[in-house]
């Protein structure tokens, strides 16, 4: 019986670091809506998933000659509270050469 109590204690103690999302987090990022891209994602994968960006802004090149670009995808339905891909928020994807180096999201969209 003591072993069962010890096992239960260890099991419950392991759950103490769980983060309960706030209401805002749950509404804007429901389960399964994590950003689809990580740093280093190639341009081809972004194009395959989201298609061509609405705008491409050239930012010159780095010291190695890699081009720097910003791809902008405009939010399509800005009244939605859910931040999924670029449905409701503008997304800015920054590339050096062929790879993603940064991704930002506008809190309020503007065209």
PDB file of N, CA and C in Angstrom:
ATOM      1  N   UNK A   1       0.817  -1.197   0.000  1.00  0.00           N
ATOM      2  CA  UNK A   1       0.000   0.000   0.000  1.00  0.00           C
ATOM      3  C   UNK A   1       0.861   1.261   0.000  1.00  0.00           C
ATOM      4  N   UNK A   2       1.980   1.196   0.735  1.00  0.00           N
ATOM      5  CA  UNK A   2       2.868   2.360   0.781  1.00  0.00           C
ATOM      6  C   UNK A   2       3.445   2.655  -0.609  1.00  0.00           C
ATOM      7  N   UNK A   3       3.714   1.607  -1.358  1.00  0.00           N
ATOM      8  CA  UNK A   3       4.267   1.801  -2.708  1.00  0.00           C
ATOM      9  C   UNK A   3       3.245   2.501  -3.602  1.00  0.00           C
ATOM     10  N   UNK A   4       1.974   2.148  -3.476  1.00  0.00           N
ATOM     11  CA  UNK A   4       0.923   2.792  -4.272  1.00  0.00           C
ATOM     12  C   UNK A   4       0.836   4.280  -3.935  1.00  0.00           C
ATOM     13  N   UNK A   5       0.909   4.620  -2.648  1.00  0.00           N
ATOM     14  CA  UNK A   5       0.874   6.031  -2.245  1.00  0.00           C
ATOM     15  C   UNK A   5       2.101   6.780  -2.758  1.00  0.00           C
ATOM     16  N   UNK A   6       3.264   6.143  -2.679  1.00  0.00           N
ATOM     17  CA  UNK A   6       4.486   6.758  -3.163  1.00  0.00           C
ATOM     18  C   UNK A   6       4.408   6.990  -4.671  1.00  0.00           C
ATOM     19  N   UNK A   7       3.919   6.027  -5.408  1.00  0.00           N
ATOM     20  CA  UNK A   7       3.770   6.166  -6.852  1.00  0.00           C
ATOM     21  C   UNK A   7       2.790   7.288  -7.202  1.00  0.00           C
ATOM     22  N   UNK A   8       1.693   7.366  -6.471  1.00  0.00           N
ATOM     23  CA  UNK A   8       0.712   8.426  -6.703  1.00  0.00           C
ATOM     24  C   UNK A   8       1.324   9.788  -6.407  1.00  0.00           C
ATOM     25  N   UNK A   9       2.082   9.897  -5.326  1.00  0.00           N
ATOM     26  CA  UNK A   9       2.729  11.161  -4.971  1.00  0.00           C
ATOM     27  C   UNK A   9       3.706  11.593  -6.062  1.00  0.00           C
ATOM     28  N   UNK A  10       4.529  10.660  -6.550  1.00  0.00           N
ATOM     29  CA  UNK A  10       5.505  10.981  -7.601  1.00  0.00           C
ATOM     30  C   UNK A  10       4.788  11.398  -8.880  1.00  0.00           C
ATOM     31  N   UNK A  11       3.723  10.707  -9.224  1.00  0.00           N
ATOM     32  CA  UNK A  11       2.954  11.039 -10.419  1.00  0.00           C
ATOM     33  C   UNK A  11       2.373  12.443 -10.326  1.00  0.00           C
ATOM     34  N   UNK A  12       1.760  12.767  -9.201  1.00  0.00           N
ATOM     35  CA  UNK A  12       1.155  14.087  -9.035  1.00  0.00           C
ATOM     36  C   UNK A  12       2.202  15.180  -8.913  1.00  0.00           C
ATOM     37  N   UNK A  13       3.331  14.905  -8.300  1.00  0.00           N
ATOM     38  CA  UNK A  13       4.393  15.900  -8.159  1.00  0.00           C
ATOM     39  C   UNK A  13       4.979  16.255  -9.523  1.00  0.00           C
ATOM     40  N   UNK A  14       4.996  15.316 -10.426  1.00  0.00           N
ATOM     41  CA  UNK A  14       5.511  15.570 -11.767  1.00  0.00           C
ATOM     42  C   UNK A  14       4.649  16.512 -12.573  1.00  0.00           C
ATOM     43  N   UNK A  15       3.408  16.712 -12.196  1.00  0.00           N
ATOM     44  CA  UNK A  15       2.494  17.594 -12.919  1.00  0.00           C
ATOM     45  C   UNK A  15       2.517  19.020 -12.385  1.00  0.00           C
ATOM     46  N   UNK A  16       3.337  19.294 -11.399  1.00  0.00           N
ATOM     47  CA  UNK A  16       3.307  20.621 -10.772  1.00  0.00           C
ATOM     48  C   UNK A  16       3.833  21.720 -11.685  1.00  0.00           C
ATOM     49  N   UNK A  17       4.593  21.388 -12.708  1.00  0.00           N
ATOM     50  CA  UNK A  17       5.148  22.403 -13.601  1.00  0.00           C
ATOM     51  C   UNK A  17       4.265  22.685 -14.811  1.00  0.00           C
ATOM     52  N   UNK A  18       3.100  22.118 -14.876  1.00  0.00           N
ATOM     53  CA  UNK A  18       2.219  22.340 -16.019  1.00  0.00           C
ATOM     54  C   UNK A  18       1.735  23.775 -16.022  1.00  0.00           C
ATOM     55  N   UNK A  19       1.678  24.361 -17.207  1.00  0.00           N
ATOM     56  CA  UNK A  19       1.206  25.733 -17.372  1.00  0.00           C
ATOM     57  C   UNK A  19      -0.230  25.705 -17.873  1.00  0.00           C
ATOM     58  N   UNK A  20      -1.121  26.290 -17.101  1.00  0.00           N
ATOM     59  CA  UNK A  20      -2.503  26.424 -17.543  1.00  0.00           C
ATOM     60  C   UNK A  20      -2.608  27.701 -18.357  1.00  0.00           C
ATOM     61  N   UNK A  21      -3.046  27.611 -19.619  1.00  0.00           N
ATOM     62  CA  UNK A  21      -3.109  28.813 -20.442  1.00  0.00           C
ATOM     63  C   UNK A  21      -4.144  29.804 -19.922  1.00  0.00           C
ATOM     64  N   UNK A  22      -3.855  31.078 -20.147  1.00  0.00           N
ATOM     65  CA  UNK A  22      -4.826  32.113 -19.807  1.00  0.00           C
ATOM     66  C   UNK A  22      -5.955  32.055 -20.832  1.00  0.00           C
ATOM     67  N   UNK A  23      -7.021  32.772 -20.572  1.00  0.00           N
ATOM     68  CA  UNK A  23      -8.145  32.808 -21.509  1.00  0.00           C
ATOM     69  C   UNK A  23      -7.685  33.371 -22.843  1.00  0.00           C
ATOM     70  N   UNK A  24      -6.878  34.437 -22.804  1.00  0.00           N
ATOM     71  CA  UNK A  24      -6.401  35.046 -24.050  1.00  0.00           C
ATOM     72  C   UNK A  24      -5.543  34.055 -24.835  1.00  0.00           C
ATOM     73  N   UNK A  25      -4.628  33.331 -24.149  1.00  0.00           N
ATOM     74  CA  UNK A  25      -3.801  32.345 -24.835  1.00  0.00           C
ATOM     75  C   UNK A  25      -4.647  31.244 -25.446  1.00  0.00           C
ATOM     76  N   UNK A  26      -5.640  30.785 -24.718  1.00  0.00           N
ATOM     77  CA  UNK A  26      -6.504  29.713 -25.218  1.00  0.00           C
ATOM     78  C   UNK A  26      -7.328  30.169 -26.418  1.00  0.00           C
ATOM     79  N   UNK A  27      -7.755  31.423 -26.420  1.00  0.00           N
ATOM     80  CA  UNK A  27      -8.559  31.933 -27.536  1.00  0.00           C
ATOM     81  C   UNK A  27      -7.716  32.220 -28.775  1.00  0.00           C
ATOM     82  N   UNK A  28      -6.510  32.754 -28.578  1.00  0.00           N
ATOM     83  CA  UNK A  28      -5.707  33.121 -29.740  1.00  0.00           C
ATOM     84  C   UNK A  28      -4.858  31.983 -30.277  1.00  0.00           C
ATOM     85  N   UNK A  29      -4.530  31.005 -29.442  1.00  0.00           N
ATOM     86  CA  UNK A  29      -3.725  29.866 -29.882  1.00  0.00           C
ATOM     87  C   UNK A  29      -4.324  28.564 -29.376  1.00  0.00           C
ATOM     88  N   UNK A  30      -5.475  28.149 -29.910  1.00  0.00           N
ATOM     89  CA  UNK A  30      -6.055  26.876 -29.481  1.00  0.00           C
ATOM     90  C   UNK A  30      -5.129  25.714 -29.823  1.00  0.00           C
ATOM     91  N   UNK A  31      -5.408  24.565 -29.250  1.00  0.00           N
ATOM     92  CA  UNK A  31      -4.573  23.389 -29.506  1.00  0.00           C
ATOM     93  C   UNK A  31      -4.434  23.149 -31.001  1.00  0.00           C
ATOM     94  N   UNK A  32      -3.233  22.861 -31.415  1.00  0.00           N
ATOM     95  CA  UNK A  32      -2.996  22.566 -32.825  1.00  0.00           C
ATOM     96  C   UNK A  32      -2.740  23.779 -33.689  1.00  0.00           C
ATOM     97  N   UNK A  33      -2.617  24.977 -33.106  1.00  0.00           N
ATOM     98  CA  UNK A  33      -2.385  26.166 -33.924  1.00  0.00           C
ATOM     99  C   UNK A  33      -1.022  26.779 -33.666  1.00  0.00           C
ATOM    100  N   UNK A  34      -0.063  25.982 -33.284  1.00  0.00           N
ATOM    101  CA  UNK A  34       1.300  26.480 -33.085  1.00  0.00           C
ATOM    102  C   UNK A  34       1.850  26.953 -34.421  1.00  0.00           C
ATOM    103  N   UNK A  35       2.789  27.886 -34.394  1.00  0.00           N
ATOM    104  CA  UNK A  35       3.361  28.345 -35.660  1.00  0.00           C
ATOM    105  C   UNK A  35       3.909  27.178 -36.466  1.00  0.00           C
ATOM    106  N   UNK A  36       3.641  27.146 -37.776  1.00  0.00           N
ATOM    107  CA  UNK A  36       4.041  25.991 -38.583  1.00  0.00           C
ATOM    108  C   UNK A  36       5.515  25.994 -38.963  1.00  0.00           C
ATOM    109  N   UNK A  37       6.213  27.109 -38.746  1.00  0.00           N
ATOM    110  CA  UNK A  37       7.594  27.216 -39.193  1.00  0.00           C
ATOM    111  C   UNK A  37       8.527  27.454 -38.015  1.00  0.00           C
ATOM    112  N   UNK A  38       9.727  26.909 -38.134  1.00  0.00           N
ATOM    113  CA  UNK A  38      10.769  27.139 -37.143  1.00  0.00           C
ATOM    114  C   UNK A  38      11.916  27.868 -37.830  1.00  0.00           C
ATOM    115  N   UNK A  39      12.808  28.411 -37.041  1.00  0.00           N
ATOM    116  CA  UNK A  39      13.970  29.078 -37.628  1.00  0.00           C
ATOM    117  C   UNK A  39      14.726  28.078 -38.489  1.00  0.00           C
ATOM    118  N   UNK A  40      15.143  28.550 -39.649  1.00  0.00           N
ATOM    119  CA  UNK A  40      15.846  27.681 -40.573  1.00  0.00           C
ATOM    120  C   UNK A  40      14.960  27.036 -41.621  1.00  0.00           C
ATOM    121  N   UNK A  41      13.641  27.217 -41.520  1.00  0.00           N
ATOM    122  CA  UNK A  41      12.727  26.650 -42.516  1.00  0.00           C
ATOM    123  C   UNK A  41      13.055  27.236 -43.889  1.00  0.00           C
ATOM    124  N   UNK A  42      13.192  26.400 -44.916  1.00  0.00           N
ATOM    125  CA  UNK A  42      13.484  26.921 -46.253  1.00  0.00           C
ATOM    126  C   UNK A  42      12.275  27.637 -46.874  1.00  0.00           C
ATOM    127  N   UNK A  43      12.573  28.568 -47.758  1.00  0.00           N
ATOM    128  CA  UNK A  43      11.523  29.317 -48.469  1.00  0.00           C
ATOM    129  C   UNK A  43      10.552  28.377 -49.171  1.00  0.00           C
ATOM    130  N   UNK A  44      11.065  27.306 -49.759  1.00  0.00           N
ATOM    131  CA  UNK A  44      10.212  26.372 -50.504  1.00  0.00           C
ATOM    132  C   UNK A  44       9.122  25.780 -49.617  1.00  0.00           C
ATOM    133  N   UNK A  45       9.447  25.489 -48.358  1.00  0.00           N
ATOM    134  CA  UNK A  45       8.445  24.927 -47.451  1.00  0.00           C
ATOM    135  C   UNK A  45       7.377  25.967 -47.109  1.00  0.00           C
ATOM    136  N   UNK A  46       7.787  27.227 -46.937  1.00  0.00           N
ATOM    137  CA  UNK A  46       6.822  28.295 -46.668  1.00  0.00           C
ATOM    138  C   UNK A  46       5.906  28.477 -47.869  1.00  0.00           C
ATOM    139  N   UNK A  47       6.487  28.508 -49.070  1.00  0.00           N
ATOM    140  CA  UNK A  47       5.678  28.649 -50.287  1.00  0.00           C
ATOM    141  C   UNK A  47       4.702  27.493 -50.441  1.00  0.00           C
ATOM    142  N   UNK A  48       5.135  26.294 -50.114  1.00  0.00           N
ATOM    143  CA  UNK A  48       4.269  25.118 -50.215  1.00  0.00           C
ATOM    144  C   UNK A  48       3.092  25.209 -49.243  1.00  0.00           C
ATOM    145  N   UNK A  49       3.349  25.713 -48.047  1.00  0.00           N
ATOM    146  CA  UNK A  49       2.305  25.772 -47.025  1.00  0.00           C
ATOM    147  C   UNK A  49       1.384  26.983 -47.186  1.00  0.00           C
ATOM    148  N   UNK A  50       1.939  28.151 -47.482  1.00  0.00           N
ATOM    149  CA  UNK A  50       1.145  29.386 -47.494  1.00  0.00           C
ATOM    150  C   UNK A  50       1.013  30.034 -48.861  1.00  0.00           C
ATOM    151  N   UNK A  51       1.726  29.586 -49.860  1.00  0.00           N
ATOM    152  CA  UNK A  51       1.677  30.215 -51.174  1.00  0.00           C
ATOM    153  C   UNK A  51       2.530  31.475 -51.201  1.00  0.00           C
ATOM    154  N   UNK A  52       2.379  32.229 -52.265  1.00  0.00           N
ATOM    155  CA  UNK A  52       3.162  33.454 -52.422  1.00  0.00           C
ATOM    156  C   UNK A  52       2.741  34.509 -51.415  1.00  0.00           C
ATOM    157  N   UNK A  53       3.713  35.278 -50.889  1.00  0.00           N
ATOM    158  CA  UNK A  53       3.371  36.352 -49.946  1.00  0.00           C
ATOM    159  C   UNK A  53       2.657  37.497 -50.660  1.00  0.00           C
ATOM    160  N   UNK A  54       1.961  38.323 -49.881  1.00  0.00           N
ATOM    161  CA  UNK A  54       1.310  39.499 -50.456  1.00  0.00           C
ATOM    162  C   UNK A  54       2.341  40.538 -50.900  1.00  0.00           C
ATOM    163  N   UNK A  55       3.415  40.666 -50.138  1.00  0.00           N
ATOM    164  CA  UNK A  55       4.493  41.601 -50.464  1.00  0.00           C
ATOM    165  C   UNK A  55       5.828  40.956 -50.124  1.00  0.00           C
ATOM    166  N   UNK A  56       6.837  41.300 -50.922  1.00  0.00           N
ATOM    167  CA  UNK A  56       8.221  40.930 -50.622  1.00  0.00           C
ATOM    168  C   UNK A  56       9.025  42.219 -50.567  1.00  0.00           C
ATOM    169  N   UNK A  57       9.710  42.428 -49.453  1.00  0.00           N
ATOM    170  CA  UNK A  57      10.536  43.625 -49.275  1.00  0.00           C
ATOM    171  C   UNK A  57      11.991  43.177 -49.227  1.00  0.00           C
ATOM    172  N   UNK A  58      12.809  43.717 -50.150  1.00  0.00           N
ATOM    173  CA  UNK A  58      14.235  43.393 -50.166  1.00  0.00           C
ATOM    174  C   UNK A  58      14.952  44.268 -49.144  1.00  0.00           C
ATOM    175  N   UNK A  59      15.820  43.650 -48.347  1.00  0.00           N
ATOM    176  CA  UNK A  59      16.587  44.376 -47.327  1.00  0.00           C
ATOM    177  C   UNK A  59      18.086  44.241 -47.585  1.00  0.00           C
ATOM    178  N   UNK A  60      18.485  44.186 -48.845  1.00  0.00           N
ATOM    179  CA  UNK A  60      19.900  44.105 -49.189  1.00  0.00           C
ATOM    180  C   UNK A  60      20.459  42.703 -48.993  1.00  0.00           C
ATOM    181  N   UNK A  61      21.731  42.655 -48.600  1.00  0.00           N
ATOM    182  CA  UNK A  61      22.370  41.364 -48.378  1.00  0.00           C
ATOM    183  C   UNK A  61      23.292  41.451 -47.171  1.00  0.00           C
ATOM    184  N   UNK A  62      23.626  40.279 -46.627  1.00  0.00           N
ATOM    185  CA  UNK A  62      24.515  40.245 -45.469  1.00  0.00           C
ATOM    186  C   UNK A  62      25.971  40.239 -45.937  1.00  0.00           C
ATOM    187  N   UNK A  63      26.910  40.138 -44.997  1.00  0.00           N
ATOM    188  CA  UNK A  63      28.336  40.191 -45.329  1.00  0.00           C
ATOM    189  C   UNK A  63      28.807  39.001 -46.167  1.00  0.00           C
ATOM    190  N   UNK A  64      28.018  37.929 -46.212  1.00  0.00           N
ATOM    191  CA  UNK A  64      28.360  36.768 -47.024  1.00  0.00           C
ATOM    192  C   UNK A  64      27.700  36.787 -48.398  1.00  0.00           C
ATOM    193  N   UNK A  65      26.921  37.817 -48.664  1.00  0.00           N
ATOM    194  CA  UNK A  65      26.246  37.928 -49.949  1.00  0.00           C
ATOM    195  C   UNK A  65      24.872  37.299 -50.005  1.00  0.00           C
ATOM    196  N   UNK A  66      24.370  36.778 -48.882  1.00  0.00           N
ATOM    197  CA  UNK A  66      23.011  36.211 -48.851  1.00  0.00           C
ATOM    198  C   UNK A  66      21.993  37.333 -48.879  1.00  0.00           C
ATOM    199  N   UNK A  67      20.978  37.190 -49.728  1.00  0.00           N
ATOM    200  CA  UNK A  67      19.947  38.215 -49.795  1.00  0.00           C
ATOM    201  C   UNK A  67      19.095  38.189 -48.536  1.00  0.00           C
ATOM    202  N   UNK A  68      18.634  39.349 -48.118  1.00  0.00           N
ATOM    203  CA  UNK A  68      17.731  39.469 -46.971  1.00  0.00           C
ATOM    204  C   UNK A  68      16.385  39.934 -47.497  1.00  0.00           C
ATOM    205  N   UNK A  69      15.352  39.193 -47.148  1.00  0.00           N
ATOM    206  CA  UNK A  69      13.997  39.517 -47.596  1.00  0.00           C
ATOM    207  C   UNK A  69      13.023  39.418 -46.441  1.00  0.00           C
ATOM    208  N   UNK A  70      11.980  40.215 -46.568  1.00  0.00           N
ATOM    209  CA  UNK A  70      10.853  40.149 -45.635  1.00  0.00           C
ATOM    210  C   UNK A  70       9.624  39.795 -46.457  1.00  0.00           C
ATOM    211  N   UNK A  71       8.988  38.687 -46.098  1.00  0.00           N
ATOM    212  CA  UNK A  71       7.754  38.278 -46.756  1.00  0.00           C
ATOM    213  C   UNK A  71       6.599  38.670 -45.852  1.00  0.00           C
ATOM    214  N   UNK A  72       5.618  39.357 -46.420  1.00  0.00           N
ATOM    215  CA  UNK A  72       4.471  39.825 -45.636  1.00  0.00           C
ATOM    216  C   UNK A  72       3.207  39.123 -46.135  1.00  0.00           C
ATOM    217  N   UNK A  73       2.530  38.483 -45.200  1.00  0.00           N
ATOM    218  CA  UNK A  73       1.236  37.842 -45.467  1.00  0.00           C
ATOM    219  C   UNK A  73       0.189  38.613 -44.669  1.00  0.00           C
ATOM    220  N   UNK A  74      -0.784  39.190 -45.376  1.00  0.00           N
ATOM    221  CA  UNK A  74      -1.834  39.961 -44.704  1.00  0.00           C
ATOM    222  C   UNK A  74      -2.914  39.047 -44.143  1.00  0.00           C
ATOM    223  N   UNK A  75      -3.364  39.374 -42.932  1.00  0.00           N
ATOM    224  CA  UNK A  75      -4.474  38.649 -42.322  1.00  0.00           C
ATOM    225  C   UNK A  75      -5.713  38.762 -43.193  1.00  0.00           C
ATOM    226  N   UNK A  76      -6.407  37.675 -43.385  1.00  0.00           N
ATOM    227  CA  UNK A  76      -7.563  37.651 -44.294  1.00  0.00           C
ATOM    228  C   UNK A  76      -8.872  38.028 -43.607  1.00  0.00           C
ATOM    229  N   UNK A  77      -9.085  37.546 -42.394  1.00  0.00           N
ATOM    230  CA  UNK A  77     -10.324  37.817 -41.657  1.00  0.00           C
ATOM    231  C   UNK A  77      -9.912  38.418 -40.317  1.00  0.00           C
ATOM    232  N   UNK A  78      -9.740  39.729 -40.309  1.00  0.00           N
ATOM    233  CA  UNK A  78      -9.133  40.388 -39.167  1.00  0.00           C
ATOM    234  C   UNK A  78     -10.013  40.437 -37.929  1.00  0.00           C
ATOM    235  N   UNK A  79     -11.277  40.120 -38.056  1.00  0.00           N
ATOM    236  CA  UNK A  79     -12.169  40.164 -36.900  1.00  0.00           C
ATOM    237  C   UNK A  79     -12.109  38.897 -36.055  1.00  0.00           C
ATOM    238  N   UNK A  80     -11.458  37.847 -36.555  1.00  0.00           N
ATOM    239  CA  UNK A  80     -11.353  36.602 -35.788  1.00  0.00           C
ATOM    240  C   UNK A  80     -10.380  36.769 -34.622  1.00  0.00           C
ATOM    241  N   UNK A  81     -10.717  36.234 -33.458  1.00  0.00           N
ATOM    242  CA  UNK A  81      -9.788  36.342 -32.325  1.00  0.00           C
ATOM    243  C   UNK A  81      -8.691  35.287 -32.352  1.00  0.00           C
ATOM    244  N   UNK A  82      -8.772  34.321 -33.257  1.00  0.00           N
ATOM    245  CA  UNK A  82      -7.816  33.214 -33.284  1.00  0.00           C
ATOM    246  C   UNK A  82      -6.658  33.567 -34.199  1.00  0.00           C
ATOM    247  N   UNK A  83      -5.447  33.387 -33.704  1.00  0.00           N
ATOM    248  CA  UNK A  83      -4.245  33.631 -34.491  1.00  0.00           C
ATOM    249  C   UNK A  83      -3.779  32.313 -35.079  1.00  0.00           C
ATOM    250  N   UNK A  84      -4.270  31.985 -36.255  1.00  0.00           N
ATOM    251  CA  UNK A  84      -3.926  30.728 -36.924  1.00  0.00           C
ATOM    252  C   UNK A  84      -3.330  31.049 -38.285  1.00  0.00           C
ATOM    253  N   UNK A  85      -2.092  30.614 -38.499  1.00  0.00           N
ATOM    254  CA  UNK A  85      -1.351  30.933 -39.705  1.00  0.00           C
ATOM    255  C   UNK A  85      -1.463  32.430 -39.961  1.00  0.00           C
ATOM    256  N   UNK A  86      -2.010  32.850 -41.088  1.00  0.00           N
ATOM    257  CA  UNK A  86      -2.177  34.287 -41.294  1.00  0.00           C
ATOM    258  C   UNK A  86      -3.638  34.629 -41.571  1.00  0.00           C
ATOM    259  N   UNK A  87      -4.552  33.861 -40.989  1.00  0.00           N
ATOM    260  CA  UNK A  87      -5.976  34.100 -41.204  1.00  0.00           C
ATOM    261  C   UNK A  87      -6.401  35.434 -40.600  1.00  0.00           C
ATOM    262  N   UNK A  88      -5.982  35.713 -39.373  1.00  0.00           N
ATOM    263  CA  UNK A  88      -6.487  36.906 -38.706  1.00  0.00           C
ATOM    264  C   UNK A  88      -5.430  37.951 -38.388  1.00  0.00           C
ATOM    265  N   UNK A  89      -4.168  37.637 -38.505  1.00  0.00           N
ATOM    266  CA  UNK A  89      -3.105  38.587 -38.172  1.00  0.00           C
ATOM    267  C   UNK A  89      -2.083  38.643 -39.303  1.00  0.00           C
ATOM    268  N   UNK A  90      -1.511  39.827 -39.522  1.00  0.00           N
ATOM    269  CA  UNK A  90      -0.432  39.964 -40.494  1.00  0.00           C
ATOM    270  C   UNK A  90       0.809  39.254 -39.982  1.00  0.00           C
ATOM    271  N   UNK A  91       1.471  38.521 -40.861  1.00  0.00           N
ATOM    272  CA  UNK A  91       2.704  37.813 -40.515  1.00  0.00           C
ATOM    273  C   UNK A  91       3.858  38.364 -41.340  1.00  0.00           C
ATOM    274  N   UNK A  92       4.982  38.567 -40.698  1.00  0.00           N
ATOM    275  CA  UNK A  92       6.201  39.033 -41.354  1.00  0.00           C
ATOM    276  C   UNK A  92       7.251  37.942 -41.179  1.00  0.00           C
ATOM    277  N   UNK A  93       7.705  37.365 -42.291  1.00  0.00           N
ATOM    278  CA  UNK A  93       8.718  36.317 -42.256  1.00  0.00           C
ATOM    279  C   UNK A  93       9.999  36.882 -42.849  1.00  0.00           C
ATOM    280  N   UNK A  94      11.090  36.758 -42.124  1.00  0.00           N
ATOM    281  CA  UNK A  94      12.371  37.320 -42.539  1.00  0.00           C
ATOM    282  C   UNK A  94      13.317  36.186 -42.941  1.00  0.00           C
ATOM    283  N   UNK A  95      13.933  36.342 -44.111  1.00  0.00           N
ATOM    284  CA  UNK A  95      14.831  35.325 -44.643  1.00  0.00           C
ATOM    285  C   UNK A  95      16.212  35.917 -44.887  1.00  0.00           C
ATOM    286  N   UNK A  96      17.226  35.107 -44.660  1.00  0.00           N
ATOM    287  CA  UNK A  96      18.583  35.390 -45.119  1.00  0.00           C
ATOM    288  C   UNK A  96      18.958  34.226 -46.011  1.00  0.00           C
ATOM    289  N   UNK A  97      19.209  34.526 -47.273  1.00  0.00           N
ATOM    290  CA  UNK A  97      19.414  33.455 -48.246  1.00  0.00           C
ATOM    291  C   UNK A  97      18.114  32.696 -48.421  1.00  0.00           C
ATOM    292  N   UNK A  98      18.154  31.408 -48.240  1.00  0.00           N
ATOM    293  CA  UNK A  98      16.967  30.566 -48.432  1.00  0.00           C
ATOM    294  C   UNK A  98      16.270  30.177 -47.134  1.00  0.00           C
ATOM    295  N   UNK A  99      16.744  30.661 -45.980  1.00  0.00           N
ATOM    296  CA  UNK A  99      16.233  30.174 -44.709  1.00  0.00           C
ATOM    297  C   UNK A  99      15.587  31.255 -43.852  1.00  0.00           C
ATOM    298  N   UNK A 100      14.541  30.854 -43.136  1.00  0.00           N
ATOM    299  CA  UNK A 100      13.815  31.737 -42.237  1.00  0.00           C
ATOM    300  C   UNK A 100      14.679  32.066 -41.021  1.00  0.00           C
ATOM    301  N   UNK A 101      14.777  33.365 -40.701  1.00  0.00           N
ATOM    302  CA  UNK A 101      15.574  33.783 -39.548  1.00  0.00           C
ATOM    303  C   UNK A 101      14.736  34.414 -38.443  1.00  0.00           C
ATOM    304  N   UNK A 102      13.528  34.876 -38.795  1.00  0.00           N
ATOM    305  CA  UNK A 102      12.659  35.514 -37.796  1.00  0.00           C
ATOM    306  C   UNK A 102      11.249  35.569 -38.333  1.00  0.00           C
ATOM    307  N   UNK A 103      10.276  35.535 -37.424  1.00  0.00           N
ATOM    308  CA  UNK A 103       8.868  35.630 -37.791  1.00  0.00           C
ATOM    309  C   UNK A 103       8.175  36.492 -36.748  1.00  0.00           C
ATOM    310  N   UNK A 104       7.435  37.501 -37.198  1.00  0.00           N
ATOM    311  CA  UNK A 104       6.706  38.360 -36.266  1.00  0.00           C
ATOM    312  C   UNK A 104       5.239  38.430 -36.678  1.00  0.00           C
ATOM    313  N   UNK A 105       4.409  38.799 -35.721  1.00  0.00           N
ATOM    314  CA  UNK A 105       2.966  38.932 -35.936  1.00  0.00           C
ATOM    315  C   UNK A 105       2.518  40.305 -35.489  1.00  0.00           C
ATOM    316  N   UNK A 106       1.729  40.986 -36.323  1.00  0.00           N
ATOM    317  CA  UNK A 106       1.142  42.270 -35.929  1.00  0.00           C
ATOM    318  C   UNK A 106       0.010  42.032 -34.959  1.00  0.00           C
ATOM    319  N   UNK A 107      -0.034  42.788 -33.881  1.00  0.00           N
ATOM    320  CA  UNK A 107      -1.172  42.692 -32.943  1.00  0.00           C
ATOM    321  C   UNK A 107      -2.418  43.265 -33.602  1.00  0.00           C
ATOM    322  N   UNK A 108      -2.286  44.407 -34.244  1.00  0.00           N
ATOM    323  CA  UNK A 108      -3.403  45.029 -34.955  1.00  0.00           C
ATOM    324  C   UNK A 108      -2.999  45.110 -36.421  1.00  0.00           C
ATOM    325  N   UNK A 109      -3.871  44.655 -37.272  1.00  0.00           N
ATOM    326  CA  UNK A 109      -3.567  44.643 -38.702  1.00  0.00           C
ATOM    327  C   UNK A 109      -3.819  45.985 -39.344  1.00  0.00           C
ATOM    328  N   UNK A 110      -3.013  46.287 -40.325  1.00  0.00           N
ATOM    329  CA  UNK A 110      -3.233  47.477 -41.141  1.00  0.00           C
ATOM    330  C   UNK A 110      -2.812  47.139 -42.562  1.00  0.00           C
ATOM    331  N   UNK A 111      -3.524  47.659 -43.502  1.00  0.00           N
ATOM    332  CA  UNK A 111      -3.186  47.382 -44.913  1.00  0.00           C
ATOM    333  C   UNK A 111      -2.546  48.575 -45.526  1.00  0.00           C
TER     334      UNK A 111
END
